[in-house]
Amino acid sequence: MSVNIPSKIKPAMVIAIDLLVNDPEAKITDVADKAGVTRATVHNWLKDPEFVEVFYQKYMVVFGSRLPTVLNSMVREAEAGNVQAGRLVLEHSGKLIKRVEVNNHQSPFEKFLNSQASDMEEVEVLEADYEDIEVLPQRPVIPEKPPTKKELSSQQKKVDRKNEKRREARRWRQRAKAVGIGKPKMGRQTPAQRKAWQEQIIKREKALNIAF
């Protein structure tokens, strides 16, 4: 069996291939030194598809040339009573054919692999079903607008009115204390109750000749 060497394969590459084929345990450093290149170059060659193809073809030629020697050794072992060697020789020559009932006689490991395969098929179906689902986009975050001058003015007026009511209520409490009238009952008063309480204060102020 001849090996076709492409024009891209340089002589240094051929040397490296021969070394790797004849000595599979050779170190890359030794191969690079004998081929006259760097280790990085040999590593790059091993990634080149054309280099790997020639490497493979060369290896098969060498393997084929060694096969008869291996078979002869097996035959001698078989003749010496090595049953395993005899089976291998017969299988290689086609005299012994293994018949395995795959469906009826599965090992525990094969059953485990089949169960895992069925589970993976179910997972793939589920993933395929979810591929068409569209994820809703996130709601955009809209920044709050700063209040306008009109809104600020309105808010300030509310605050001023609230503060004025508090000051007025404090003045009425001071006037009630000055004339000896107690504070109104706890809780929210109706306008009529508040008015009656204030009139009582005013009447006591007149009686005591106190002016506010």
N, C-alpha and C. Protein backbone atom coordinates (compact mmCIF):
# COMPACT_ATOMS: atom_id res chain seq x y z
N MET A 1 0.86 -1.19 0.00
CA MET A 1 0.00 0.00 0.00
C MET A 1 0.89 1.23 0.00
N SER A 2 0.74 2.06 -1.03
CA SER A 2 1.53 3.29 -1.14
C SER A 2 0.78 4.44 -0.50
N VAL A 3 1.54 5.43 -0.10
CA VAL A 3 0.96 6.61 0.53
C VAL A 3 1.20 7.80 -0.37
N ASN A 4 0.13 8.51 -0.71
CA ASN A 4 0.25 9.71 -1.53
C ASN A 4 0.66 10.88 -0.65
N ILE A 5 1.79 11.47 -0.97
CA ILE A 5 2.30 12.60 -0.20
C ILE A 5 1.91 13.89 -0.90
N PRO A 6 1.02 14.69 -0.34
CA PRO A 6 0.65 15.96 -0.98
C PRO A 6 1.87 16.89 -1.07
N SER A 7 1.78 17.81 -2.01
CA SER A 7 2.88 18.76 -2.21
C SER A 7 3.09 19.66 -0.99
N LYS A 8 2.03 19.82 -0.18
CA LYS A 8 2.13 20.68 1.00
C LYS A 8 3.03 20.05 2.07
N ILE A 9 3.14 18.71 2.06
CA ILE A 9 3.92 18.01 3.07
C ILE A 9 5.41 18.17 2.75
N LYS A 10 6.12 18.88 3.61
CA LYS A 10 7.55 19.14 3.41
C LYS A 10 8.38 17.95 3.89
N PRO A 11 9.66 17.90 3.47
CA PRO A 11 10.53 16.80 3.91
C PRO A 11 10.63 16.69 5.43
N ALA A 12 10.67 17.84 6.13
CA ALA A 12 10.73 17.80 7.59
C ALA A 12 9.48 17.14 8.17
N MET A 13 8.35 17.37 7.52
CA MET A 13 7.11 16.75 7.97
C MET A 13 7.16 15.24 7.80
N VAL A 14 7.73 14.79 6.67
CA VAL A 14 7.84 13.36 6.40
C VAL A 14 8.71 12.69 7.45
N ILE A 15 9.82 13.36 7.82
CA ILE A 15 10.70 12.82 8.86
C ILE A 15 9.94 12.68 10.17
N ALA A 16 9.18 13.73 10.54
CA ALA A 16 8.41 13.70 11.78
C ALA A 16 7.38 12.58 11.76
N ILE A 17 6.71 12.38 10.61
CA ILE A 17 5.69 11.33 10.50
C ILE A 17 6.33 9.95 10.66
N ASP A 18 7.47 9.73 10.00
CA ASP A 18 8.15 8.43 10.12
C ASP A 18 8.54 8.15 11.57
N LEU A 19 9.03 9.18 12.26
CA LEU A 19 9.42 8.99 13.66
C LEU A 19 8.21 8.65 14.53
N LEU A 20 7.10 9.37 14.32
CA LEU A 20 5.90 9.15 15.13
C LEU A 20 5.27 7.80 14.84
N VAL A 21 5.34 7.34 13.58
CA VAL A 21 4.74 6.06 13.20
C VAL A 21 5.54 4.89 13.78
N ASN A 22 6.87 4.97 13.63
CA ASN A 22 7.73 3.86 14.06
C ASN A 22 7.98 3.86 15.56
N ASP A 23 7.79 5.00 16.21
CA ASP A 23 8.00 5.05 17.66
C ASP A 23 6.87 5.89 18.28
N PRO A 24 5.68 5.27 18.50
CA PRO A 24 4.53 6.03 19.02
C PRO A 24 4.80 6.70 20.36
N GLU A 25 5.80 6.17 21.12
CA GLU A 25 6.10 6.75 22.43
C GLU A 25 7.16 7.84 22.36
N ALA A 26 7.56 8.21 21.16
CA ALA A 26 8.59 9.24 21.02
C ALA A 26 8.09 10.58 21.55
N LYS A 27 8.98 11.31 22.19
CA LYS A 27 8.62 12.62 22.72
C LYS A 27 8.64 13.67 21.60
N ILE A 28 7.77 14.65 21.74
CA ILE A 28 7.68 15.70 20.73
C ILE A 28 9.01 16.45 20.61
N THR A 29 9.68 16.61 21.73
CA THR A 29 10.97 17.31 21.70
C THR A 29 11.96 16.56 20.82
N ASP A 30 12.03 15.22 20.97
CA ASP A 30 12.96 14.43 20.16
C ASP A 30 12.57 14.47 18.68
N VAL A 31 11.26 14.41 18.42
CA VAL A 31 10.80 14.46 17.03
C VAL A 31 11.16 15.80 16.40
N ALA A 32 10.98 16.89 17.17
CA ALA A 32 11.29 18.21 16.65
C ALA A 32 12.78 18.36 16.38
N ASP A 33 13.61 17.83 17.28
CA ASP A 33 15.07 17.94 17.10
C ASP A 33 15.52 17.20 15.85
N LYS A 34 15.00 15.97 15.64
CA LYS A 34 15.43 15.18 14.49
C LYS A 34 14.88 15.74 13.18
N ALA A 35 13.71 16.41 13.26
CA ALA A 35 13.15 17.01 12.05
C ALA A 35 13.71 18.40 11.79
N GLY A 36 14.44 18.94 12.76
CA GLY A 36 15.06 20.26 12.59
C GLY A 36 14.08 21.41 12.73
N VAL A 37 13.05 21.22 13.56
CA VAL A 37 12.06 22.28 13.79
C VAL A 37 11.84 22.42 15.30
N THR A 38 10.96 23.34 15.65
CA THR A 38 10.65 23.56 17.06
C THR A 38 9.48 22.68 17.49
N ARG A 39 9.30 22.56 18.82
CA ARG A 39 8.17 21.80 19.35
C ARG A 39 6.84 22.40 18.91
N ALA A 40 6.79 23.74 18.91
CA ALA A 40 5.53 24.41 18.51
C ALA A 40 5.16 24.06 17.08
N THR A 41 6.19 23.93 16.21
CA THR A 41 5.91 23.58 14.82
C THR A 41 5.30 22.19 14.72
N VAL A 42 5.84 21.23 15.49
CA VAL A 42 5.29 19.86 15.47
C VAL A 42 3.86 19.86 15.99
N HIS A 43 3.61 20.62 17.04
CA HIS A 43 2.22 20.70 17.57
C HIS A 43 1.29 21.29 16.53
N ASN A 44 1.74 22.29 15.80
CA ASN A 44 0.90 22.87 14.73
C ASN A 44 0.66 21.87 13.62
N TRP A 45 1.69 21.06 13.28
CA TRP A 45 1.50 20.03 12.26
C TRP A 45 0.42 19.03 12.68
N LEU A 46 0.42 18.66 13.93
CA LEU A 46 -0.56 17.67 14.41
C LEU A 46 -1.99 18.20 14.37
N LYS A 47 -2.14 19.51 14.18
CA LYS A 47 -3.47 20.11 14.02
C LYS A 47 -3.85 20.29 12.56
N ASP A 48 -2.89 20.03 11.65
CA ASP A 48 -3.12 20.20 10.22
C ASP A 48 -3.80 18.94 9.66
N PRO A 49 -5.00 19.05 9.06
CA PRO A 49 -5.71 17.86 8.55
C PRO A 49 -4.90 17.06 7.53
N GLU A 50 -4.17 17.72 6.62
CA GLU A 50 -3.39 16.99 5.62
C GLU A 50 -2.25 16.22 6.28
N PHE A 51 -1.57 16.85 7.25
CA PHE A 51 -0.50 16.17 7.97
C PHE A 51 -1.04 14.93 8.70
N VAL A 52 -2.18 15.09 9.38
CA VAL A 52 -2.79 13.98 10.13
C VAL A 52 -3.20 12.86 9.18
N GLU A 53 -3.72 13.22 8.00
CA GLU A 53 -4.14 12.20 7.03
C GLU A 53 -2.95 11.36 6.55
N VAL A 54 -1.84 12.02 6.23
CA VAL A 54 -0.64 11.29 5.80
C VAL A 54 -0.11 10.44 6.95
N PHE A 55 -0.14 11.03 8.16
CA PHE A 55 0.29 10.31 9.36
C PHE A 55 -0.52 9.03 9.52
N TYR A 56 -1.85 9.12 9.34
CA TYR A 56 -2.73 7.97 9.50
C TYR A 56 -2.44 6.90 8.42
N GLN A 57 -2.29 7.35 7.16
CA GLN A 57 -2.02 6.40 6.08
C GLN A 57 -0.70 5.66 6.32
N LYS A 58 0.32 6.39 6.73
CA LYS A 58 1.62 5.77 7.01
C LYS A 58 1.50 4.75 8.15
N TYR A 59 0.72 5.13 9.17
CA TYR A 59 0.56 4.23 10.31
C TYR A 59 -0.13 2.94 9.88
N MET A 60 -1.15 3.04 9.02
CA MET A 60 -1.87 1.85 8.58
C MET A 60 -0.97 0.95 7.74
N VAL A 61 -0.06 1.56 6.96
CA VAL A 61 0.87 0.74 6.18
C VAL A 61 1.79 -0.04 7.10
N VAL A 62 2.33 0.66 8.12
CA VAL A 62 3.22 -0.01 9.06
C VAL A 62 2.47 -1.05 9.87
N PHE A 63 1.22 -0.70 10.28
CA PHE A 63 0.42 -1.66 11.03
C PHE A 63 0.13 -2.91 10.21
N GLY A 64 -0.20 -2.70 8.93
CA GLY A 64 -0.48 -3.85 8.06
C GLY A 64 0.74 -4.74 7.87
N SER A 65 1.91 -4.12 7.82
CA SER A 65 3.13 -4.92 7.64
C SER A 65 3.46 -5.72 8.89
N ARG A 66 3.03 -5.24 10.03
CA ARG A 66 3.32 -5.95 11.28
C ARG A 66 2.25 -7.00 11.60
N LEU A 67 1.10 -6.90 10.97
CA LEU A 67 -0.02 -7.78 11.31
C LEU A 67 0.31 -9.27 11.12
N PRO A 68 0.96 -9.67 10.02
CA PRO A 68 1.27 -11.10 9.88
C PRO A 68 2.13 -11.64 11.02
N THR A 69 3.08 -10.83 11.49
CA THR A 69 3.93 -11.28 12.59
C THR A 69 3.10 -11.48 13.85
N VAL A 70 2.16 -10.56 14.07
CA VAL A 70 1.29 -10.68 15.24
C VAL A 70 0.42 -11.93 15.14
N LEU A 71 -0.12 -12.18 13.93
CA LEU A 71 -0.99 -13.35 13.74
C LEU A 71 -0.20 -14.64 13.93
N ASN A 72 1.03 -14.65 13.44
CA ASN A 72 1.84 -15.86 13.62
C ASN A 72 2.09 -16.12 15.10
N SER A 73 2.30 -15.06 15.87
CA SER A 73 2.51 -15.23 17.30
C SER A 73 1.25 -15.77 17.96
N MET A 74 0.09 -15.28 17.50
CA MET A 74 -1.17 -15.76 18.06
C MET A 74 -1.40 -17.22 17.72
N VAL A 75 -1.04 -17.61 16.51
CA VAL A 75 -1.21 -19.00 16.10
C VAL A 75 -0.34 -19.91 16.96
N ARG A 76 0.92 -19.48 17.21
CA ARG A 76 1.79 -20.28 18.06
C ARG A 76 1.22 -20.40 19.47
N GLU A 77 0.65 -19.29 20.00
CA GLU A 77 0.04 -19.32 21.32
C GLU A 77 -1.17 -20.26 21.33
N ALA A 78 -1.96 -20.23 20.25
CA ALA A 78 -3.15 -21.10 20.17
C ALA A 78 -2.75 -22.56 20.12
N GLU A 79 -1.70 -22.84 19.33
CA GLU A 79 -1.23 -24.22 19.24
C GLU A 79 -0.67 -24.71 20.57
N ALA A 80 -0.18 -23.75 21.39
CA ALA A 80 0.36 -24.13 22.70
C ALA A 80 -0.73 -24.29 23.74
N GLY A 81 -1.99 -24.03 23.34
CA GLY A 81 -3.10 -24.25 24.26
C GLY A 81 -3.73 -23.00 24.81
N ASN A 82 -3.37 -21.81 24.31
CA ASN A 82 -3.97 -20.55 24.75
C ASN A 82 -5.33 -20.40 24.08
N VAL A 83 -6.39 -20.61 24.87
CA VAL A 83 -7.75 -20.60 24.31
C VAL A 83 -8.11 -19.21 23.76
N GLN A 84 -7.77 -18.15 24.50
CA GLN A 84 -8.10 -16.81 24.06
C GLN A 84 -7.42 -16.48 22.73
N ALA A 85 -6.16 -16.88 22.59
CA ALA A 85 -5.45 -16.66 21.33
C ALA A 85 -6.12 -17.43 20.20
N GLY A 86 -6.58 -18.65 20.50
CA GLY A 86 -7.27 -19.44 19.49
C GLY A 86 -8.55 -18.77 19.02
N ARG A 87 -9.30 -18.23 19.95
CA ARG A 87 -10.55 -17.55 19.58
C ARG A 87 -10.26 -16.34 18.70
N LEU A 88 -9.23 -15.58 19.05
CA LEU A 88 -8.88 -14.39 18.26
C LEU A 88 -8.46 -14.78 16.85
N VAL A 89 -7.68 -15.88 16.72
CA VAL A 89 -7.26 -16.32 15.39
C VAL A 89 -8.47 -16.74 14.55
N LEU A 90 -9.38 -17.50 15.17
CA LEU A 90 -10.57 -17.96 14.45
C LEU A 90 -11.47 -16.78 14.06
N GLU A 91 -11.61 -15.82 14.97
CA GLU A 91 -12.43 -14.64 14.65
C GLU A 91 -11.81 -13.86 13.50
N HIS A 92 -10.50 -13.72 13.50
CA HIS A 92 -9.84 -12.96 12.43
C HIS A 92 -9.99 -13.67 11.09
N SER A 93 -9.95 -14.99 11.11
CA SER A 93 -10.07 -15.75 9.87
C SER A 93 -11.51 -15.95 9.44
N GLY A 94 -12.47 -15.51 10.27
CA GLY A 94 -13.88 -15.62 9.91
C GLY A 94 -14.48 -16.96 10.21
N LYS A 95 -13.76 -17.84 10.91
CA LYS A 95 -14.27 -19.17 11.22
C LYS A 95 -15.20 -19.17 12.44
N LEU A 96 -15.10 -18.11 13.27
CA LEU A 96 -15.93 -18.04 14.47
C LEU A 96 -16.69 -16.73 14.45
N ILE A 97 -18.02 -16.82 14.49
CA ILE A 97 -18.87 -15.63 14.42
C ILE A 97 -19.65 -15.53 15.73
N LYS A 98 -19.50 -14.40 16.38
CA LYS A 98 -20.25 -14.19 17.62
C LYS A 98 -21.68 -13.78 17.29
N ARG A 99 -22.63 -14.43 17.95
CA ARG A 99 -24.03 -14.06 17.79
C ARG A 99 -24.54 -13.53 19.12
N VAL A 100 -24.94 -12.30 19.11
CA VAL A 100 -25.36 -11.65 20.35
C VAL A 100 -26.79 -11.17 20.18
N GLU A 101 -27.67 -11.61 21.07
CA GLU A 101 -29.05 -11.14 21.06
C GLU A 101 -29.10 -9.83 21.85
N VAL A 102 -29.03 -8.73 21.16
CA VAL A 102 -28.92 -7.44 21.82
C VAL A 102 -30.18 -7.10 22.59
N ASN A 103 -31.32 -7.37 21.97
CA ASN A 103 -32.58 -6.96 22.60
C ASN A 103 -32.93 -7.83 23.79
N ASN A 104 -32.58 -9.14 23.72
CA ASN A 104 -33.00 -10.06 24.77
C ASN A 104 -31.97 -10.22 25.88
N HIS A 105 -30.71 -9.93 25.60
CA HIS A 105 -29.66 -10.12 26.58
C HIS A 105 -28.84 -8.84 26.70
N GLN A 106 -29.35 -7.93 27.47
CA GLN A 106 -28.66 -6.67 27.68
C GLN A 106 -28.01 -6.67 29.06
N SER A 107 -26.78 -6.19 29.09
CA SER A 107 -26.10 -6.08 30.38
C SER A 107 -26.71 -4.94 31.17
N PRO A 108 -26.51 -4.93 32.49
CA PRO A 108 -27.02 -3.81 33.30
C PRO A 108 -26.53 -2.46 32.81
N PHE A 109 -25.27 -2.41 32.37
CA PHE A 109 -24.74 -1.14 31.87
C PHE A 109 -25.44 -0.69 30.60
N GLU A 110 -25.74 -1.65 29.68
CA GLU A 110 -26.47 -1.31 28.45
C GLU A 110 -27.87 -0.81 28.77
N LYS A 111 -28.52 -1.49 29.74
CA LYS A 111 -29.85 -1.03 30.14
C LYS A 111 -29.79 0.39 30.69
N PHE A 112 -28.76 0.68 31.47
CA PHE A 112 -28.59 2.02 32.02
C PHE A 112 -28.41 3.05 30.91
N LEU A 113 -27.58 2.70 29.91
CA LEU A 113 -27.37 3.63 28.79
C LEU A 113 -28.66 3.86 28.02
N ASN A 114 -29.44 2.79 27.80
CA ASN A 114 -30.70 2.95 27.07
C ASN A 114 -31.68 3.83 27.83
N SER A 115 -31.72 3.66 29.17
CA SER A 115 -32.62 4.50 29.97
C SER A 115 -32.20 5.94 29.92
N GLN A 116 -30.87 6.16 29.96
CA GLN A 116 -30.36 7.53 29.88
C GLN A 116 -30.68 8.15 28.53
N ALA A 117 -30.58 7.33 27.46
CA ALA A 117 -30.87 7.84 26.12
C ALA A 117 -32.32 8.25 25.99
N SER A 118 -33.24 7.43 26.57
CA SER A 118 -34.66 7.79 26.50
C SER A 118 -34.94 9.05 27.27
N ASP A 119 -34.26 9.20 28.43
CA ASP A 119 -34.44 10.43 29.21
C ASP A 119 -33.95 11.64 28.44
N MET A 120 -32.81 11.50 27.72
CA MET A 120 -32.28 12.60 26.95
C MET A 120 -33.22 12.98 25.82
N GLU A 121 -33.90 11.97 25.21
CA GLU A 121 -34.85 12.28 24.14
C GLU A 121 -36.00 13.09 24.68
N GLU A 122 -36.47 12.75 25.89
CA GLU A 122 -37.56 13.51 26.48
C GLU A 122 -37.12 14.94 26.77
N VAL A 123 -35.87 15.09 27.24
CA VAL A 123 -35.37 16.44 27.52
C VAL A 123 -35.27 17.25 26.26
N GLU A 124 -34.80 16.61 25.15
CA GLU A 124 -34.68 17.33 23.89
C GLU A 124 -36.05 17.76 23.38
N VAL A 125 -37.06 16.91 23.56
CA VAL A 125 -38.41 17.28 23.12
C VAL A 125 -38.92 18.47 23.92
N LEU A 126 -38.69 18.43 25.24
CA LEU A 126 -39.14 19.54 26.07
C LEU A 126 -38.46 20.83 25.67
N GLU A 127 -37.13 20.75 25.43
CA GLU A 127 -36.41 21.95 25.04
C GLU A 127 -36.90 22.45 23.70
N ALA A 128 -37.22 21.53 22.78
CA ALA A 128 -37.72 21.95 21.48
C ALA A 128 -39.07 22.64 21.62
N ASP A 129 -39.91 22.13 22.55
CA ASP A 129 -41.22 22.75 22.75
C ASP A 129 -41.09 24.17 23.28
N TYR A 130 -40.06 24.44 24.07
CA TYR A 130 -39.92 25.75 24.68
C TYR A 130 -39.17 26.74 23.78
N GLU A 131 -38.66 26.23 22.64
CA GLU A 131 -37.92 27.16 21.78
C GLU A 131 -38.81 28.24 21.19
N ASP A 132 -40.11 27.90 20.98
CA ASP A 132 -41.02 28.86 20.35
C ASP A 132 -41.59 29.86 21.32
N ILE A 133 -41.33 29.70 22.62
CA ILE A 133 -41.89 30.61 23.61
C ILE A 133 -41.09 31.90 23.62
N GLU A 134 -41.76 33.00 23.46
CA GLU A 134 -41.09 34.29 23.47
C GLU A 134 -41.10 34.86 24.88
N VAL A 135 -39.98 35.33 25.28
CA VAL A 135 -39.86 35.95 26.59
C VAL A 135 -40.31 37.39 26.49
N LEU A 136 -41.24 37.77 27.36
CA LEU A 136 -41.74 39.14 27.34
C LEU A 136 -40.63 40.11 27.71
N PRO A 137 -40.56 41.22 26.99
CA PRO A 137 -39.51 42.20 27.34
C PRO A 137 -39.80 42.84 28.69
N GLN A 138 -38.75 43.24 29.34
CA GLN A 138 -38.92 43.90 30.62
C GLN A 138 -39.57 45.26 30.44
N ARG A 139 -40.37 45.59 31.44
CA ARG A 139 -41.04 46.89 31.39
C ARG A 139 -40.00 48.00 31.53
N PRO A 140 -40.01 48.95 30.61
CA PRO A 140 -39.00 50.02 30.70
C PRO A 140 -39.19 50.86 31.95
N VAL A 141 -38.10 51.26 32.52
CA VAL A 141 -38.12 52.10 33.71
C VAL A 141 -38.23 53.56 33.27
N ILE A 142 -39.35 54.17 33.59
CA ILE A 142 -39.59 55.56 33.19
C ILE A 142 -39.24 56.46 34.37
N PRO A 143 -38.25 57.31 34.22
CA PRO A 143 -37.88 58.19 35.34
C PRO A 143 -38.99 59.19 35.66
N GLU A 144 -39.14 59.45 36.93
CA GLU A 144 -40.16 60.41 37.36
C GLU A 144 -39.79 61.82 36.92
N LYS A 145 -40.82 62.53 36.44
CA LYS A 145 -40.58 63.90 36.01
C LYS A 145 -40.49 64.82 37.23
N PRO A 146 -39.58 65.73 37.20
CA PRO A 146 -39.52 66.68 38.32
C PRO A 146 -40.77 67.55 38.35
N PRO A 147 -41.24 67.91 39.54
CA PRO A 147 -42.45 68.74 39.62
C PRO A 147 -42.25 70.10 38.98
N THR A 148 -43.33 70.59 38.38
CA THR A 148 -43.28 71.91 37.75
C THR A 148 -43.38 73.00 38.81
N LYS A 149 -43.14 74.21 38.40
CA LYS A 149 -43.24 75.34 39.33
C LYS A 149 -44.65 75.48 39.89
N LYS A 150 -45.64 75.20 39.05
CA LYS A 150 -47.02 75.30 39.49
C LYS A 150 -47.31 74.25 40.56
N GLU A 151 -46.83 73.02 40.34
CA GLU A 151 -47.05 71.96 41.31
C GLU A 151 -46.32 72.26 42.62
N LEU A 152 -45.09 72.80 42.54
CA LEU A 152 -44.36 73.17 43.74
C LEU A 152 -45.08 74.24 44.52
N SER A 153 -45.63 75.19 43.78
CA SER A 153 -46.35 76.28 44.44
C SER A 153 -47.61 75.77 45.14
N SER A 154 -48.31 74.82 44.47
CA SER A 154 -49.52 74.26 45.07
C SER A 154 -49.18 73.46 46.33
N GLN A 155 -48.09 72.69 46.27
CA GLN A 155 -47.68 71.92 47.43
C GLN A 155 -47.29 72.83 48.60
N GLN A 156 -46.61 73.92 48.29
CA GLN A 156 -46.20 74.85 49.34
C GLN A 156 -47.40 75.52 50.00
N LYS A 157 -48.42 75.82 49.19
CA LYS A 157 -49.62 76.43 49.73
C LYS A 157 -50.33 75.48 50.69
N LYS A 158 -50.36 74.19 50.35
CA LYS A 158 -50.97 73.21 51.24
C LYS A 158 -50.22 73.14 52.56
N VAL A 159 -48.89 73.16 52.48
CA VAL A 159 -48.08 73.12 53.70
C VAL A 159 -48.33 74.36 54.55
N ASP A 160 -48.42 75.53 53.90
CA ASP A 160 -48.63 76.78 54.63
C ASP A 160 -49.99 76.78 55.32
N ARG A 161 -51.04 76.28 54.62
CA ARG A 161 -52.36 76.24 55.23
C ARG A 161 -52.38 75.30 56.43
N LYS A 162 -51.69 74.16 56.31
CA LYS A 162 -51.64 73.21 57.41
C LYS A 162 -50.92 73.80 58.63
N ASN A 163 -49.83 74.50 58.37
CA ASN A 163 -49.09 75.12 59.48
C ASN A 163 -49.90 76.24 60.12
N GLU A 164 -50.65 76.98 59.31
CA GLU A 164 -51.47 78.06 59.85
C GLU A 164 -52.58 77.52 60.74
N LYS A 165 -53.18 76.38 60.34
CA LYS A 165 -54.20 75.76 61.18
C LYS A 165 -53.62 75.31 62.51
N ARG A 166 -52.40 74.78 62.49
CA ARG A 166 -51.76 74.36 63.73
C ARG A 166 -51.49 75.55 64.65
N ARG A 167 -51.03 76.66 64.06
CA ARG A 167 -50.76 77.85 64.88
C ARG A 167 -52.04 78.41 65.48
N GLU A 168 -53.10 78.38 64.67
CA GLU A 168 -54.38 78.89 65.16
C GLU A 168 -54.92 78.01 66.30
N ALA A 169 -54.80 76.72 66.17
CA ALA A 169 -55.26 75.80 67.21
C ALA A 169 -54.44 76.01 68.48
N ARG A 170 -53.13 76.29 68.34
CA ARG A 170 -52.29 76.52 69.52
C ARG A 170 -52.70 77.82 70.22
N ARG A 171 -53.03 78.86 69.45
CA ARG A 171 -53.48 80.13 70.06
C ARG A 171 -54.78 79.94 70.84
N TRP A 172 -55.72 79.19 70.28
CA TRP A 172 -56.97 78.94 70.98
C TRP A 172 -56.74 78.16 72.28
N ARG A 173 -55.81 77.23 72.27
CA ARG A 173 -55.52 76.48 73.50
C ARG A 173 -54.91 77.41 74.56
N GLN A 174 -54.06 78.33 74.11
CA GLN A 174 -53.47 79.28 75.05
C GLN A 174 -54.55 80.21 75.64
N ARG A 175 -55.48 80.65 74.82
CA ARG A 175 -56.55 81.52 75.31
C ARG A 175 -57.46 80.77 76.29
N ALA A 176 -57.71 79.43 75.96
CA ALA A 176 -58.55 78.64 76.85
C ALA A 176 -57.85 78.44 78.19
N LYS A 177 -56.56 78.23 78.18
CA LYS A 177 -55.82 78.06 79.43
C LYS A 177 -55.79 79.33 80.25
N ALA A 178 -55.72 80.46 79.57
CA ALA A 178 -55.65 81.75 80.29
C ALA A 178 -56.94 82.06 81.03
N VAL A 179 -58.08 81.61 80.54
CA VAL A 179 -59.36 81.92 81.20
C VAL A 179 -59.89 80.72 82.00
N GLY A 180 -59.09 79.64 82.07
CA GLY A 180 -59.49 78.50 82.89
C GLY A 180 -60.46 77.55 82.25
N ILE A 181 -60.47 77.49 80.94
CA ILE A 181 -61.35 76.54 80.24
C ILE A 181 -60.48 75.39 79.74
N GLY A 182 -60.97 74.17 79.97
CA GLY A 182 -60.19 73.00 79.57
C GLY A 182 -60.13 72.80 78.07
N LYS A 183 -59.26 71.94 77.72
CA LYS A 183 -59.12 71.63 76.30
C LYS A 183 -60.33 70.84 75.81
N PRO A 184 -60.60 70.90 74.53
CA PRO A 184 -61.72 70.11 74.02
C PRO A 184 -61.46 68.62 74.18
N LYS A 185 -62.54 67.85 74.13
CA LYS A 185 -62.41 66.41 74.28
C LYS A 185 -61.52 65.82 73.19
N MET A 186 -60.87 64.68 73.57
CA MET A 186 -60.00 64.02 72.61
C MET A 186 -60.80 63.52 71.42
N GLY A 187 -60.19 63.50 70.27
CA GLY A 187 -60.87 63.04 69.07
C GLY A 187 -61.16 64.20 68.14
N ARG A 188 -61.66 63.86 66.99
CA ARG A 188 -61.94 64.86 65.98
C ARG A 188 -63.25 65.57 66.30
N GLN A 189 -63.19 66.91 66.31
CA GLN A 189 -64.38 67.72 66.62
C GLN A 189 -65.09 68.13 65.33
N THR A 190 -66.38 68.26 65.49
CA THR A 190 -67.16 68.78 64.37
C THR A 190 -67.02 70.29 64.36
N PRO A 191 -67.29 70.95 63.24
CA PRO A 191 -67.22 72.41 63.20
C PRO A 191 -68.13 73.07 64.24
N ALA A 192 -69.28 72.49 64.53
CA ALA A 192 -70.20 73.08 65.51
C ALA A 192 -69.61 72.98 66.91
N GLN A 193 -68.99 71.84 67.25
CA GLN A 193 -68.37 71.69 68.56
C GLN A 193 -67.20 72.65 68.73
N ARG A 194 -66.43 72.81 67.71
CA ARG A 194 -65.30 73.71 67.81
C ARG A 194 -65.79 75.16 67.99
N LYS A 195 -66.82 75.50 67.26
CA LYS A 195 -67.35 76.86 67.37
C LYS A 195 -67.91 77.13 68.76
N ALA A 196 -68.61 76.14 69.31
CA ALA A 196 -69.17 76.31 70.66
C ALA A 196 -68.06 76.47 71.69
N TRP A 197 -66.98 75.73 71.55
CA TRP A 197 -65.83 75.83 72.47
C TRP A 197 -65.18 77.19 72.37
N GLN A 198 -65.05 77.71 71.15
CA GLN A 198 -64.44 79.02 70.95
C GLN A 198 -65.34 80.14 71.51
N GLU A 199 -66.65 80.01 71.35
CA GLU A 199 -67.57 81.03 71.89
C GLU A 199 -67.52 81.06 73.41
N GLN A 200 -67.35 79.89 74.01
CA GLN A 200 -67.23 79.81 75.46
C GLN A 200 -65.97 80.55 75.94
N ILE A 201 -64.90 80.42 75.20
CA ILE A 201 -63.65 81.12 75.54
C ILE A 201 -63.85 82.64 75.42
N ILE A 202 -64.48 83.04 74.34
CA ILE A 202 -64.69 84.48 74.12
C ILE A 202 -65.57 85.07 75.22
N LYS A 203 -66.61 84.35 75.61
CA LYS A 203 -67.51 84.84 76.67
C LYS A 203 -66.76 84.97 77.98
N ARG A 204 -65.89 84.00 78.31
CA ARG A 204 -65.13 84.09 79.56
C ARG A 204 -64.12 85.24 79.49
N GLU A 205 -63.53 85.48 78.33
CA GLU A 205 -62.58 86.59 78.17
C GLU A 205 -63.30 87.93 78.43
N LYS A 206 -64.51 88.07 77.94
CA LYS A 206 -65.25 89.33 78.17
C LYS A 206 -65.59 89.50 79.65
N ALA A 207 -65.92 88.37 80.26
CA ALA A 207 -66.27 88.47 81.68
C ALA A 207 -65.06 88.87 82.51
N LEU A 208 -63.91 88.37 82.12
CA LEU A 208 -62.67 88.70 82.85
C LEU A 208 -61.99 89.94 82.31
N ASN A 209 -62.59 90.54 81.29
CA ASN A 209 -62.03 91.76 80.70
C ASN A 209 -60.60 91.50 80.17
N ILE A 210 -60.48 90.38 79.48
CA ILE A 210 -59.19 90.03 78.88
C ILE A 210 -59.32 90.19 77.38
N ALA A 211 -58.41 90.93 76.81
CA ALA A 211 -58.45 91.18 75.37
C ALA A 211 -57.33 90.39 74.67
N PHE A 212 -57.71 89.78 73.55
CA PHE A 212 -56.72 89.06 72.71
C PHE A 212 -56.73 89.69 71.33
